[in-house]
Amino acid sequence: YASELRELKQQMVSQLENLDKEKEALRMNLDSVGTRVDR
């Protein structure tokens, strides 16, 4: 059970890291759209 919990924790950490990366990419896209709108 302890081993399974560790594996689940690692999976959750990995998914959270991926979500943070996607969030940052989305923010950069929004900034780019804002710049284009200003132009």
All heavy atoms as atom14 arrays in JSON, in Angstrom:
{
  "sequence": "YASELRELKQQMVSQLENLDKEKEALRMNLDSVGTRVDR",
  "atom14_mask": [
    [1, 1, 1, 1, 1, 1, 1, 1, 1, 1, 1, 1, 0, 0],
    [1, 1, 1, 1, 1, 0, 0, 0, 0, 0, 0, 0, 0, 0],
    [1, 1, 1, 1, 1, 1, 0, 0, 0, 0, 0, 0, 0, 0],
    [1, 1, 1, 1, 1, 1, 1, 1, 1, 0, 0, 0, 0, 0],
    [1, 1, 1, 1, 1, 1, 1, 1, 0, 0, 0, 0, 0, 0],
    [1, 1, 1, 1, 1, 1, 1, 1, 1, 1, 1, 0, 0, 0],
    [1, 1, 1, 1, 1, 1, 1, 1, 1, 0, 0, 0, 0, 0],
    [1, 1, 1, 1, 1, 1, 1, 1, 0, 0, 0, 0, 0, 0],
    [1, 1, 1, 1, 1, 1, 1, 1, 1, 0, 0, 0, 0, 0],
    [1, 1, 1, 1, 1, 1, 1, 1, 1, 0, 0, 0, 0, 0],
    [1, 1, 1, 1, 1, 1, 1, 1, 1, 0, 0, 0, 0, 0],
    [1, 1, 1, 1, 1, 1, 1, 1, 0, 0, 0, 0, 0, 0],
    [1, 1, 1, 1, 1, 1, 1, 0, 0, 0, 0, 0, 0, 0],
    [1, 1, 1, 1, 1, 1, 0, 0, 0, 0, 0, 0, 0, 0],
    [1, 1, 1, 1, 1, 1, 1, 1, 1, 0, 0, 0, 0, 0],
    [1, 1, 1, 1, 1, 1, 1, 1, 0, 0, 0, 0, 0, 0],
    [1, 1, 1, 1, 1, 1, 1, 1, 1, 0, 0, 0, 0, 0],
    [1, 1, 1, 1, 1, 1, 1, 1, 0, 0, 0, 0, 0, 0],
    [1, 1, 1, 1, 1, 1, 1, 1, 0, 0, 0, 0, 0, 0],
    [1, 1, 1, 1, 1, 1, 1, 1, 0, 0, 0, 0, 0, 0],
    [1, 1, 1, 1, 1, 1, 1, 1, 1, 0, 0, 0, 0, 0],
    [1, 1, 1, 1, 1, 1, 1, 1, 1, 0, 0, 0, 0, 0],
    [1, 1, 1, 1, 1, 1, 1, 1, 1, 0, 0, 0, 0, 0],
    [1, 1, 1, 1, 1, 1, 1, 1, 1, 0, 0, 0, 0, 0],
    [1, 1, 1, 1, 1, 0, 0, 0, 0, 0, 0, 0, 0, 0],
    [1, 1, 1, 1, 1, 1, 1, 1, 0, 0, 0, 0, 0, 0],
    [1, 1, 1, 1, 1, 1, 1, 1, 1, 1, 1, 0, 0, 0],
    [1, 1, 1, 1, 1, 1, 1, 1, 0, 0, 0, 0, 0, 0],
    [1, 1, 1, 1, 1, 1, 1, 1, 0, 0, 0, 0, 0, 0],
    [1, 1, 1, 1, 1, 1, 1, 1, 0, 0, 0, 0, 0, 0],
    [1, 1, 1, 1, 1, 1, 1, 1, 0, 0, 0, 0, 0, 0],
    [1, 1, 1, 1, 1, 1, 0, 0, 0, 0, 0, 0, 0, 0],
    [1, 1, 1, 1, 1, 1, 1, 0, 0, 0, 0, 0, 0, 0],
    [1, 1, 1, 1, 0, 0, 0, 0, 0, 0, 0, 0, 0, 0],
    [1, 1, 1, 1, 1, 1, 1, 0, 0, 0, 0, 0, 0, 0],
    [1, 1, 1, 1, 1, 1, 1, 1, 1, 1, 1, 0, 0, 0],
    [1, 1, 1, 1, 1, 1, 1, 0, 0, 0, 0, 0, 0, 0],
    [1, 1, 1, 1, 1, 1, 1, 1, 0, 0, 0, 0, 0, 0],
    [1, 1, 1, 1, 1, 1, 1, 1, 1, 1, 1, 0, 0, 0]
  ],
  "atom14_positions": [
    [[0.82, -1.21, 0.0], [0.0, 0.0, 0.0], [0.87, 1.27, 0.0], [0.56, 2.25, -0.69], [-0.92, 0.01, 1.22], [-1.96, -1.08, 1.21], [-2.5, -1.57, 2.4], [-2.4, -1.63, 0.0], [-3.46, -2.57, 2.39], [-3.35, -2.64, -0.01], [-3.88, -3.11, 1.19], [-4.82, -4.09, 1.19], [0.0, 0.0, 0.0], [0.0, 0.0, 0.0]],
    [[1.93, 1.26, 0.79], [2.82, 2.42, 0.84], [3.46, 2.68, -0.53], [3.59, 3.82, -0.98], [3.89, 2.22, 1.9], [0.0, 0.0, 0.0], [0.0, 0.0, 0.0], [0.0, 0.0, 0.0], [0.0, 0.0, 0.0], [0.0, 0.0, 0.0], [0.0, 0.0, 0.0], [0.0, 0.0, 0.0], [0.0, 0.0, 0.0], [0.0, 0.0, 0.0]],
    [[3.85, 1.59, -1.19], [4.44, 1.74, -2.51], [3.43, 2.31, -3.51], [3.75, 3.19, -4.31], [4.95, 0.38, -3.0], [5.46, 0.46, -4.31], [0.0, 0.0, 0.0], [0.0, 0.0, 0.0], [0.0, 0.0, 0.0], [0.0, 0.0, 0.0], [0.0, 0.0, 0.0], [0.0, 0.0, 0.0], [0.0, 0.0, 0.0], [0.0, 0.0, 0.0]],
    [[2.19, 1.83, -3.44], [1.15, 2.34, -4.34], [0.87, 3.82, -4.08], [0.66, 4.61, -5.01], [-0.12, 1.51, -4.19], [0.03, 0.08, -4.7], [-1.23, -0.75, -4.43], [-2.14, -0.22, -3.76], [-1.3, -1.89, -4.9], [0.0, 0.0, 0.0], [0.0, 0.0, 0.0], [0.0, 0.0, 0.0], [0.0, 0.0, 0.0], [0.0, 0.0, 0.0]],
    [[0.85, 4.21, -2.79], [0.63, 5.61, -2.46], [1.75, 6.5, -2.99], [1.52, 7.62, -3.46], [0.48, 5.78, -0.94], [-0.84, 5.31, -0.34], [-0.79, 5.4, 1.18], [-2.0, 6.15, -0.86], [0.0, 0.0, 0.0], [0.0, 0.0, 0.0], [0.0, 0.0, 0.0], [0.0, 0.0, 0.0], [0.0, 0.0, 0.0], [0.0, 0.0, 0.0]],
    [[3.0, 6.02, -2.87], [4.12, 6.79, -3.41], [4.0, 6.97, -4.92], [4.25, 8.05, -5.46], [5.45, 6.11, -3.04], [5.86, 6.33, -1.59], [7.31, 5.92, -1.37], [7.52, 4.5, -1.61], [7.41, 3.56, -0.67], [7.09, 3.91, 0.58], [7.61, 2.29, -0.95], [0.0, 0.0, 0.0], [0.0, 0.0, 0.0], [0.0, 0.0, 0.0]],
    [[3.6, 5.9, -5.6], [3.44, 5.99, -7.05], [2.32, 6.98, -7.4], [2.45, 7.78, -8.34], [3.12, 4.61, -7.62], [4.29, 3.63, -7.52], [3.91, 2.25, -8.06], [2.73, 2.08, -8.44], [4.78, 1.35, -8.09], [0.0, 0.0, 0.0], [0.0, 0.0, 0.0], [0.0, 0.0, 0.0], [0.0, 0.0, 0.0], [0.0, 0.0, 0.0]],
    [[1.19, 6.93, -6.64], [0.09, 7.86, -6.89], [0.54, 9.31, -6.66], [0.2, 10.21, -7.43], [-1.09, 7.52, -5.98], [-2.32, 8.44, -6.1], [-2.88, 8.4, -7.51], [-3.39, 8.03, -5.09], [0.0, 0.0, 0.0], [0.0, 0.0, 0.0], [0.0, 0.0, 0.0], [0.0, 0.0, 0.0], [0.0, 0.0, 0.0], [0.0, 0.0, 0.0]],
    [[1.33, 9.54, -5.6], [1.83, 10.88, -5.31], [2.71, 11.37, -6.45], [2.61, 12.53, -6.89], [2.6, 10.87, -4.0], [3.17, 12.22, -3.62], [3.94, 12.16, -2.32], [4.54, 13.52, -1.98], [5.32, 13.46, -0.71], [0.0, 0.0, 0.0], [0.0, 0.0, 0.0], [0.0, 0.0, 0.0], [0.0, 0.0, 0.0], [0.0, 0.0, 0.0]],
    [[3.59, 10.49, -6.95], [4.45, 10.89, -8.06], [3.63, 11.24, -9.29], [3.93, 12.21, -10.0], [5.44, 9.76, -8.36], [6.47, 9.54, -7.25], [7.37, 8.35, -7.55], [7.17, 7.64, -8.54], [8.36, 8.11, -6.68], [0.0, 0.0, 0.0], [0.0, 0.0, 0.0], [0.0, 0.0, 0.0], [0.0, 0.0, 0.0], [0.0, 0.0, 0.0]],
    [[2.56, 10.45, -9.54], [1.71, 10.75, -10.69], [1.01, 12.1, -10.52], [0.92, 12.89, -11.47], [0.67, 9.64, -10.87], [1.26, 8.3, -11.27], [0.22, 7.2, -11.34], [-0.96, 7.45, -11.1], [0.64, 5.98, -11.65], [0.0, 0.0, 0.0], [0.0, 0.0, 0.0], [0.0, 0.0, 0.0], [0.0, 0.0, 0.0], [0.0, 0.0, 0.0]],
    [[0.51, 12.37, -9.3], [-0.16, 13.65, -9.06], [0.8, 14.82, -9.23], [0.45, 15.86, -9.81], [-0.75, 13.65, -7.64], [-1.88, 12.66, -7.42], [-3.32, 13.07, -8.41], [-3.83, 14.58, -7.64], [0.0, 0.0, 0.0], [0.0, 0.0, 0.0], [0.0, 0.0, 0.0], [0.0, 0.0, 0.0], [0.0, 0.0, 0.0], [0.0, 0.0, 0.0]],
    [[2.02, 14.68, -8.71], [3.01, 15.75, -8.86], [3.31, 16.0, -10.33], [3.41, 17.14, -10.79], [4.29, 15.4, -8.08], [5.41, 16.37, -8.41], [4.02, 15.42, -6.57], [0.0, 0.0, 0.0], [0.0, 0.0, 0.0], [0.0, 0.0, 0.0], [0.0, 0.0, 0.0], [0.0, 0.0, 0.0], [0.0, 0.0, 0.0], [0.0, 0.0, 0.0]],
    [[3.44, 14.92, -11.08], [3.73, 15.06, -12.5], [2.58, 15.76, -13.22], [2.8, 16.65, -14.06], [3.98, 13.68, -13.12], [4.17, 13.77, -14.5], [0.0, 0.0, 0.0], [0.0, 0.0, 0.0], [0.0, 0.0, 0.0], [0.0, 0.0, 0.0], [0.0, 0.0, 0.0], [0.0, 0.0, 0.0], [0.0, 0.0, 0.0], [0.0, 0.0, 0.0]],
    [[1.33, 15.39, -12.89], [0.18, 16.03, -13.52], [0.1, 17.5, -13.15], [-0.23, 18.35, -14.0], [-1.1, 15.29, -13.12], [-1.21, 13.89, -13.7], [-2.49, 13.19, -13.27], [-3.29, 13.75, -12.55], [-2.66, 11.95, -13.71], [0.0, 0.0, 0.0], [0.0, 0.0, 0.0], [0.0, 0.0, 0.0], [0.0, 0.0, 0.0], [0.0, 0.0, 0.0]],
    [[0.38, 17.84, -11.88], [0.36, 19.24, -11.47], [1.42, 20.05, -12.21], [1.19, 21.2, -12.61], [0.57, 19.35, -9.96], [-0.6, 18.89, -9.08], [-0.21, 18.91, -7.61], [-1.82, 19.79, -9.31], [0.0, 0.0, 0.0], [0.0, 0.0, 0.0], [0.0, 0.0, 0.0], [0.0, 0.0, 0.0], [0.0, 0.0, 0.0], [0.0, 0.0, 0.0]],
    [[2.6, 19.46, -12.39], [3.64, 20.15, -13.15], [3.2, 20.4, -14.59], [3.44, 21.47, -15.15], [4.93, 19.34, -13.11], [5.59, 19.29, -11.73], [6.82, 18.4, -11.71], [7.05, 17.7, -12.74], [7.54, 18.39, -10.7], [0.0, 0.0, 0.0], [0.0, 0.0, 0.0], [0.0, 0.0, 0.0], [0.0, 0.0, 0.0], [0.0, 0.0, 0.0]],
    [[2.54, 19.39, -15.18], [2.05, 19.57, -16.54], [0.98, 20.66, -16.62], [0.95, 21.47, -17.56], [1.47, 18.25, -17.07], [2.55, 17.19, -17.29], [3.71, 17.52, -17.51], [2.17, 15.93, -17.2], [0.0, 0.0, 0.0], [0.0, 0.0, 0.0], [0.0, 0.0, 0.0], [0.0, 0.0, 0.0], [0.0, 0.0, 0.0], [0.0, 0.0, 0.0]],
    [[0.11, 20.72, -15.58], [-0.92, 21.76, -15.56], [-0.29, 23.14, -15.43], [-0.74, 24.11, -16.07], [-1.88, 21.51, -14.39], [-2.87, 20.35, -14.57], [-3.68, 20.16, -13.29], [-3.81, 20.62, -15.74], [0.0, 0.0, 0.0], [0.0, 0.0, 0.0], [0.0, 0.0, 0.0], [0.0, 0.0, 0.0], [0.0, 0.0, 0.0], [0.0, 0.0, 0.0]],
    [[0.76, 23.26, -14.61], [1.44, 24.54, -14.48], [2.06, 24.97, -15.81], [2.01, 26.15, -16.19], [2.53, 24.45, -13.4], [1.95, 24.38, -12.0], [0.8, 24.8, -11.83], [2.65, 23.88, -11.1], [0.0, 0.0, 0.0], [0.0, 0.0, 0.0], [0.0, 0.0, 0.0], [0.0, 0.0, 0.0], [0.0, 0.0, 0.0], [0.0, 0.0, 0.0]],
    [[2.65, 24.01, -16.53], [3.23, 24.33, -17.83], [2.15, 24.78, -18.81], [2.33, 25.74, -19.56], [3.98, 23.12, -18.37], [5.23, 22.74, -17.57], [5.9, 21.52, -18.17], [7.13, 21.11, -17.35], [7.77, 19.89, -17.9], [0.0, 0.0, 0.0], [0.0, 0.0, 0.0], [0.0, 0.0, 0.0], [0.0, 0.0, 0.0], [0.0, 0.0, 0.0]],
    [[1.01, 24.06, -18.82], [-0.07, 24.44, -19.72], [-0.63, 25.81, -19.36], [-0.98, 26.62, -20.23], [-1.18, 23.39, -19.68], [-0.76, 22.04, -20.25], [-1.85, 21.0, -20.13], [-2.93, 21.34, -19.58], [-1.66, 19.86, -20.56], [0.0, 0.0, 0.0], [0.0, 0.0, 0.0], [0.0, 0.0, 0.0], [0.0, 0.0, 0.0], [0.0, 0.0, 0.0]],
    [[-0.72, 26.09, -18.04], [-1.2, 27.4, -17.59], [-0.26, 28.51, -18.07], [-0.7, 29.57, -18.54], [-1.32, 27.42, -16.07], [-1.76, 28.74, -15.48], [-1.81, 28.66, -13.98], [-2.19, 30.0, -13.37], [-2.22, 29.93, -11.88], [0.0, 0.0, 0.0], [0.0, 0.0, 0.0], [0.0, 0.0, 0.0], [0.0, 0.0, 0.0], [0.0, 0.0, 0.0]],
    [[1.04, 28.3, -17.94], [2.0, 29.31, -18.38], [1.93, 29.51, -19.9], [1.99, 30.64, -20.39], [3.41, 28.87, -17.97], [4.51, 29.85, -18.36], [4.37, 31.18, -17.64], [3.7, 31.22, -16.59], [4.93, 32.18, -18.13], [0.0, 0.0, 0.0], [0.0, 0.0, 0.0], [0.0, 0.0, 0.0], [0.0, 0.0, 0.0], [0.0, 0.0, 0.0]],
    [[1.75, 28.39, -20.63], [1.63, 28.5, -22.08], [0.38, 29.29, -22.46], [0.4, 30.13, -23.37], [1.61, 27.11, -22.72], [0.0, 0.0, 0.0], [0.0, 0.0, 0.0], [0.0, 0.0, 0.0], [0.0, 0.0, 0.0], [0.0, 0.0, 0.0], [0.0, 0.0, 0.0], [0.0, 0.0, 0.0], [0.0, 0.0, 0.0], [0.0, 0.0, 0.0]],
    [[-0.72, 29.02, -21.75], [-1.96, 29.75, -22.02], [-1.8, 31.23, -21.71], [-2.28, 32.09, -22.46], [-3.09, 29.15, -21.18], [-4.47, 29.8, -21.33], [-4.94, 29.72, -22.76], [-5.48, 29.14, -20.4], [0.0, 0.0, 0.0], [0.0, 0.0, 0.0], [0.0, 0.0, 0.0], [0.0, 0.0, 0.0], [0.0, 0.0, 0.0], [0.0, 0.0, 0.0]],
    [[-1.1, 31.55, -20.6], [-0.88, 32.95, -20.27], [-0.07, 33.65, -21.35], [-0.35, 34.79, -21.74], [-0.16, 33.05, -18.93], [-0.03, 34.47, -18.4], [0.88, 34.53, -17.21], [2.24, 34.16, -17.55], [3.11, 34.97, -18.17], [2.74, 36.2, -18.48], [4.32, 34.57, -18.46], [0.0, 0.0, 0.0], [0.0, 0.0, 0.0], [0.0, 0.0, 0.0]],
    [[0.96, 32.98, -21.85], [1.78, 33.56, -22.91], [0.96, 33.77, -24.18], [1.11, 34.8, -24.87], [2.99, 32.66, -23.19], [3.97, 32.56, -22.02], [5.34, 31.41, -22.33], [6.15, 32.24, -23.69], [0.0, 0.0, 0.0], [0.0, 0.0, 0.0], [0.0, 0.0, 0.0], [0.0, 0.0, 0.0], [0.0, 0.0, 0.0], [0.0, 0.0, 0.0]],
    [[0.08, 32.82, -24.48], [-0.78, 32.98, -25.66], [-1.71, 34.17, -25.5], [-1.94, 34.94, -26.44], [-1.59, 31.7, -25.89], [-0.72, 30.55, -26.37], [0.35, 30.76, -26.94], [-1.16, 29.32, -26.12], [0.0, 0.0, 0.0], [0.0, 0.0, 0.0], [0.0, 0.0, 0.0], [0.0, 0.0, 0.0], [0.0, 0.0, 0.0], [0.0, 0.0, 0.0]],
    [[-2.26, 34.31, -24.28], [-3.15, 35.45, -24.03], [-2.39, 36.77, -24.15], [-2.91, 37.77, -24.68], [-3.78, 35.32, -22.64], [-4.82, 34.21, -22.48], [-5.28, 34.11, -21.03], [-6.02, 34.46, -23.39], [0.0, 0.0, 0.0], [0.0, 0.0, 0.0], [0.0, 0.0, 0.0], [0.0, 0.0, 0.0], [0.0, 0.0, 0.0], [0.0, 0.0, 0.0]],
    [[-1.17, 36.8, -23.61], [-0.36, 38.02, -23.76], [-0.1, 38.33, -25.23], [-0.14, 39.49, -25.65], [0.97, 37.86, -23.02], [0.78, 37.8, -21.51], [-0.28, 38.23, -21.03], [1.7, 37.32, -20.82], [0.0, 0.0, 0.0], [0.0, 0.0, 0.0], [0.0, 0.0, 0.0], [0.0, 0.0, 0.0], [0.0, 0.0, 0.0], [0.0, 0.0, 0.0]],
    [[0.17, 37.28, -25.99], [0.41, 37.48, -27.42], [-0.84, 38.02, -28.11], [-0.77, 38.93, -28.94], [0.85, 36.16, -28.06], [1.0, 36.29, -29.46], [0.0, 0.0, 0.0], [0.0, 0.0, 0.0], [0.0, 0.0, 0.0], [0.0, 0.0, 0.0], [0.0, 0.0, 0.0], [0.0, 0.0, 0.0], [0.0, 0.0, 0.0], [0.0, 0.0, 0.0]],
    [[-2.0, 37.46, -27.74], [-3.26, 37.94, -28.33], [-3.49, 39.4, -27.96], [-3.91, 40.22, -28.79], [-4.43, 37.06, -27.88], [-5.76, 37.68, -28.29], [-4.3, 35.66, -28.47], [0.0, 0.0, 0.0], [0.0, 0.0, 0.0], [0.0, 0.0, 0.0], [0.0, 0.0, 0.0], [0.0, 0.0, 0.0], [0.0, 0.0, 0.0], [0.0, 0.0, 0.0]],
    [[-3.21, 39.75, -26.67], [-3.38, 41.13, -26.25], [-2.49, 42.07, -27.03], [-2.91, 43.18, -27.42], [0.0, 0.0, 0.0], [0.0, 0.0, 0.0], [0.0, 0.0, 0.0], [0.0, 0.0, 0.0], [0.0, 0.0, 0.0], [0.0, 0.0, 0.0], [0.0, 0.0, 0.0], [0.0, 0.0, 0.0], [0.0, 0.0, 0.0], [0.0, 0.0, 0.0]],
    [[-1.24, 41.65, -27.29], [-0.33, 42.48, -28.07], [-0.84, 42.68, -29.49], [-0.78, 43.8, -30.05], [1.06, 41.83, -28.1], [1.53, 41.65, -26.75], [2.05, 42.69, -28.86], [0.0, 0.0, 0.0], [0.0, 0.0, 0.0], [0.0, 0.0, 0.0], [0.0, 0.0, 0.0], [0.0, 0.0, 0.0], [0.0, 0.0, 0.0], [0.0, 0.0, 0.0]],
    [[-1.37, 41.6, -30.07], [-1.89, 41.71, -31.44], [-3.12, 42.62, -31.49], [-3.29, 43.4, -32.43], [-2.23, 40.32, -31.97], [-0.99, 39.43, -32.15], [-1.36, 37.99, -32.43], [-2.11, 37.85, -33.67], [-2.64, 36.69, -34.07], [-2.48, 35.6, -33.34], [-3.31, 36.64, -35.2], [0.0, 0.0, 0.0], [0.0, 0.0, 0.0], [0.0, 0.0, 0.0]],
    [[-3.97, 42.52, -30.46], [-5.14, 43.39, -30.42], [-4.72, 44.85, -30.32], [-5.27, 45.74, -30.99], [-6.06, 42.99, -29.24], [-7.14, 44.05, -29.02], [-6.7, 41.64, -29.5], [0.0, 0.0, 0.0], [0.0, 0.0, 0.0], [0.0, 0.0, 0.0], [0.0, 0.0, 0.0], [0.0, 0.0, 0.0], [0.0, 0.0, 0.0], [0.0, 0.0, 0.0]],
    [[-3.73, 45.13, -29.45], [-3.22, 46.49, -29.34], [-2.68, 47.01, -30.67], [-2.89, 48.17, -31.05], [-2.13, 46.57, -28.27], [-2.67, 46.34, -26.87], [-3.89, 46.53, -26.68], [-1.88, 45.97, -25.99], [0.0, 0.0, 0.0], [0.0, 0.0, 0.0], [0.0, 0.0, 0.0], [0.0, 0.0, 0.0], [0.0, 0.0, 0.0], [0.0, 0.0, 0.0]],
    [[-1.96, 46.12, -31.4], [-1.41, 46.52, -32.69], [-2.53, 46.85, -33.68], [-2.46, 47.85, -34.41], [-0.51, 45.41, -33.24], [0.24, 45.82, -34.52], [1.06, 44.66, -35.08], [2.0, 44.16, -34.11], [1.96, 42.95, -33.6], [0.98, 42.11, -33.98], [2.85, 42.55, -32.73], [0.0, 0.0, 0.0], [0.0, 0.0, 0.0], [0.0, 0.0, 0.0]]
  ]
}
